[in-house]
Amino acid sequence: MATIFYTATSLDGYIADQNNALDWLFQFGELEPNTFDDFLAGVGAIAMGSTTYQWLYDHDFSAESDNSQPWPYPVPAWVFTSRPLPLIADADVRFVEGDVRPVNRDMAIAAGEKHLWIVGGGDLAGQFYDAGLLDEMVLQVASVTLGGGAPLFPRRVDPPLQLLSANTYGANFVELHYSVSYAFSDQP
């Protein structure tokens, strides 16, 4: 089992634009082949930030959404938030706040032998990193720049990440898979 930050990012390091929108990513359509379906099959629990959850709700579940869909994840999701959020019917969602360490323990129990996925955002992944709990990063880097927005990973990483693989997908993406290392003094 590993805790993995798997996400798409622009070339200049943003996971969402200045309006927290993902339109920049959807312009590419579905990538074939890709690693997401195999990755998701190995996930047993999800950590999600409140902005990501709110975006999903607004675009796929709210009464104003013209793109209504069922909750896409068959595993429990822990949503880190400091504000009230709307509930999504038939979704196994647990709203939590505070330190990621006790929540990580609960997620690991629920996941069993499967991976923990940090779906968004960059600051949440950074909190797992700060706690010494982030094991890997899988970044789908798109051939666009956004000039600003939600940063991929607003932390200094030292020692450097260790590249495990780099693969191209279509004409617009490269997937970078990294292992996270910690200096002894960084461990909580």
Protein backbone atom coordinates (compact mmCIF):
# COMPACT_ATOMS: atom_id res chain seq x y z
CA MET A 1 0.00 0.00 0.00
CA ALA A 2 1.22 3.49 -0.86
CA THR A 3 -0.16 7.01 -0.53
CA ILE A 4 -0.09 8.50 -4.02
CA PHE A 5 -0.78 12.00 -5.34
CA TYR A 6 -2.06 11.25 -8.86
CA THR A 7 -3.08 14.37 -10.78
CA ALA A 8 -2.92 16.34 -14.00
CA THR A 9 -0.93 19.55 -14.14
CA SER A 10 -0.13 22.27 -16.63
CA LEU A 11 3.42 22.66 -17.86
CA ASP A 12 3.87 25.64 -15.53
CA GLY A 13 2.70 23.69 -12.48
CA TYR A 14 -1.00 24.43 -11.91
CA ILE A 15 -3.75 21.87 -11.37
CA ALA A 16 -6.60 24.35 -11.86
CA ASP A 17 -6.81 27.83 -13.36
CA GLN A 18 -7.40 31.10 -11.45
CA ASN A 19 -11.15 30.28 -11.27
CA ASN A 20 -10.49 26.75 -9.93
CA ALA A 21 -11.70 25.43 -13.29
CA LEU A 22 -10.46 22.41 -15.23
CA ASP A 23 -11.58 23.48 -18.71
CA TRP A 24 -7.92 23.66 -19.74
CA LEU A 25 -7.69 19.90 -19.13
CA PHE A 26 -10.98 18.85 -20.74
CA GLN A 27 -9.97 20.31 -24.09
CA PHE A 28 -7.86 17.18 -24.62
CA GLY A 29 -10.70 14.68 -24.22
CA GLU A 30 -10.00 11.12 -23.05
CA LEU A 31 -6.42 9.96 -23.37
CA GLU A 32 -6.00 6.52 -24.84
CA PRO A 33 -4.08 4.69 -23.64
CA ASN A 34 -3.69 6.01 -20.11
CA THR A 35 -2.86 4.67 -16.69
CA PHE A 36 -5.85 6.04 -14.78
CA ASP A 37 -8.18 3.02 -14.97
CA ASP A 38 -5.47 0.63 -13.77
CA PHE A 39 -4.48 3.11 -11.07
CA LEU A 40 -8.07 3.53 -9.85
CA ALA A 41 -8.53 -0.25 -9.67
CA GLY A 42 -5.71 -0.33 -7.10
CA VAL A 43 -7.16 2.44 -4.91
CA GLY A 44 -8.91 1.60 -1.64
CA ALA A 45 -9.49 5.08 -0.18
CA ILE A 46 -9.43 8.69 -1.35
CA ALA A 47 -8.35 11.97 0.25
CA MET A 48 -9.82 15.07 -1.35
CA GLY A 49 -9.66 18.78 -0.62
CA SER A 50 -12.81 20.86 -0.21
CA THR A 51 -12.22 22.86 -3.41
CA THR A 52 -12.00 19.64 -5.47
CA TYR A 53 -15.14 18.25 -3.82
CA GLN A 54 -17.03 21.53 -4.35
CA TRP A 55 -15.98 21.56 -8.02
CA LEU A 56 -17.26 17.99 -8.48
CA TYR A 57 -20.51 18.88 -6.74
CA ASP A 58 -21.06 22.04 -8.78
CA HIS A 59 -20.33 20.37 -12.12
CA ASP A 60 -21.90 16.95 -11.67
CA PHE A 61 -24.35 16.93 -8.75
CA SER A 62 -25.93 20.31 -8.02
CA ALA A 63 -29.45 21.14 -9.19
CA GLU A 64 -27.89 23.68 -11.59
CA SER A 65 -25.62 21.07 -13.20
CA ASP A 66 -26.49 20.06 -16.74
CA ASN A 67 -23.98 17.21 -16.54
CA SER A 68 -25.57 15.10 -13.77
CA GLN A 69 -23.64 11.89 -13.11
CA PRO A 70 -23.37 9.30 -10.34
CA TRP A 71 -20.58 9.56 -7.78
CA PRO A 72 -17.55 8.25 -9.70
CA TYR A 73 -15.66 6.51 -6.89
CA PRO A 74 -16.51 3.05 -5.51
CA VAL A 75 -14.31 3.55 -2.41
CA PRO A 76 -14.68 5.79 0.64
CA ALA A 77 -13.53 9.40 0.28
CA TRP A 78 -12.33 11.63 3.10
CA VAL A 79 -12.92 15.29 2.25
CA PHE A 80 -10.75 17.71 4.20
CA THR A 81 -12.69 20.89 4.84
CA SER A 82 -13.07 23.71 7.32
CA ARG A 83 -16.46 24.76 5.93
CA PRO A 84 -19.85 23.10 5.45
CA LEU A 85 -20.22 21.31 2.11
CA PRO A 86 -23.29 19.83 0.42
CA LEU A 87 -23.82 16.09 0.58
CA ILE A 88 -23.84 13.97 -2.56
CA ALA A 89 -26.45 11.19 -2.57
CA ASP A 90 -25.10 7.63 -2.56
CA ALA A 91 -21.50 8.79 -2.09
CA ASP A 92 -19.36 7.30 0.69
CA VAL A 93 -17.93 10.66 1.79
CA ARG A 94 -16.59 11.54 5.23
CA PHE A 95 -15.99 15.21 6.00
CA VAL A 96 -12.92 15.77 8.19
CA GLU A 97 -10.64 18.61 9.23
CA GLY A 98 -7.32 19.10 10.88
CA ASP A 99 -4.20 16.95 10.93
CA VAL A 100 -3.92 14.37 8.13
CA ARG A 101 -2.19 11.76 10.35
CA PRO A 102 -5.22 10.35 12.22
CA VAL A 103 -7.28 10.44 9.03
CA ASN A 104 -4.48 8.62 7.19
CA ARG A 105 -4.74 5.79 9.73
CA ASP A 106 -8.50 5.48 9.13
CA MET A 107 -7.97 5.57 5.38
CA ALA A 108 -5.30 2.86 5.55
CA ILE A 109 -7.63 0.59 7.53
CA ALA A 110 -10.42 1.11 4.97
CA ALA A 111 -8.05 0.59 2.02
CA GLY A 112 -6.58 -2.68 3.28
CA GLU A 113 -3.83 -3.66 0.84
CA LYS A 114 -4.86 -1.06 -1.75
CA HIS A 115 -3.42 2.42 -2.28
CA LEU A 116 -4.54 5.73 -0.82
CA TRP A 117 -5.17 8.35 -3.51
CA ILE A 118 -4.79 12.04 -2.90
CA VAL A 119 -7.03 13.34 -5.66
CA GLY A 120 -6.72 17.04 -4.92
CA GLY A 121 -5.42 19.46 -4.24
CA GLY A 122 -1.80 20.34 -4.12
CA ASP A 123 -1.89 21.79 -0.62
CA LEU A 124 -3.57 18.64 0.73
CA ALA A 125 -0.88 16.49 -0.90
CA GLY A 126 1.64 18.85 0.70
CA GLN A 127 0.13 18.22 4.12
CA PHE A 128 0.61 14.47 3.63
CA TYR A 129 4.20 15.20 2.55
CA ASP A 130 4.78 17.41 5.61
CA ALA A 131 3.59 14.52 7.82
CA GLY A 132 5.95 12.05 6.10
CA LEU A 133 2.99 10.13 4.63
CA LEU A 134 3.31 10.77 0.89
CA ASP A 135 4.98 7.87 -0.94
CA GLU A 136 4.60 8.64 -4.65
CA MET A 137 3.52 11.30 -7.12
CA VAL A 138 2.11 10.51 -10.56
CA LEU A 139 1.83 13.66 -12.65
CA GLN A 140 0.10 13.87 -16.03
CA VAL A 141 1.80 16.98 -17.44
CA ALA A 142 -0.20 18.71 -20.19
CA SER A 143 1.33 20.84 -22.93
CA VAL A 144 -0.40 24.05 -21.82
CA THR A 145 0.53 26.87 -19.48
CA LEU A 146 -2.02 28.63 -17.27
CA GLY A 147 0.02 31.51 -15.89
CA GLY A 148 -1.55 31.11 -12.45
CA GLY A 149 -4.12 29.20 -10.45
CA ALA A 150 -3.99 26.37 -7.92
CA PRO A 151 -0.36 25.26 -7.60
CA LEU A 152 0.55 21.63 -8.16
CA PHE A 153 2.56 21.26 -4.95
CA PRO A 154 3.14 24.40 -2.89
CA ARG A 155 6.04 22.96 -0.93
CA ARG A 156 9.78 22.77 -1.20
CA VAL A 157 10.80 19.15 -1.79
CA ASP A 158 14.25 18.21 -0.55
CA PRO A 159 15.77 15.69 -1.01
CA PRO A 160 14.64 15.56 -4.65
CA LEU A 161 11.96 13.19 -5.85
CA GLN A 162 13.26 10.03 -7.50
CA LEU A 163 11.97 9.52 -11.05
CA LEU A 164 10.56 6.01 -11.48
CA SER A 165 9.24 6.41 -15.04
CA ALA A 166 8.38 8.89 -17.79
CA ASN A 167 5.92 8.02 -20.57
CA THR A 168 4.23 10.02 -23.29
CA TYR A 169 0.48 9.81 -23.94
CA GLY A 170 -0.82 11.22 -27.19
CA ALA A 171 0.69 14.40 -28.53
CA ASN A 172 0.05 16.48 -25.41
CA PHE A 173 0.92 14.60 -22.22
CA VAL A 174 3.84 13.09 -20.42
CA GLU A 175 3.34 11.06 -17.25
CA LEU A 176 6.03 11.43 -14.63
CA HIS A 177 6.02 8.88 -11.80
CA TYR A 178 8.11 9.77 -8.76
CA SER A 179 9.01 8.17 -5.47
CA VAL A 180 9.12 10.53 -2.48
CA SER A 181 12.19 10.46 -0.25
CA TYR A 182 12.57 12.12 3.11
CA ALA A 183 15.66 13.43 4.83
CA PHE A 184 15.94 11.96 8.33
CA SER A 185 15.34 15.40 9.86
CA ASP A 186 12.11 15.81 7.82
CA GLN A 187 10.35 12.85 9.44
CA PRO A 188 7.73 13.88 12.02
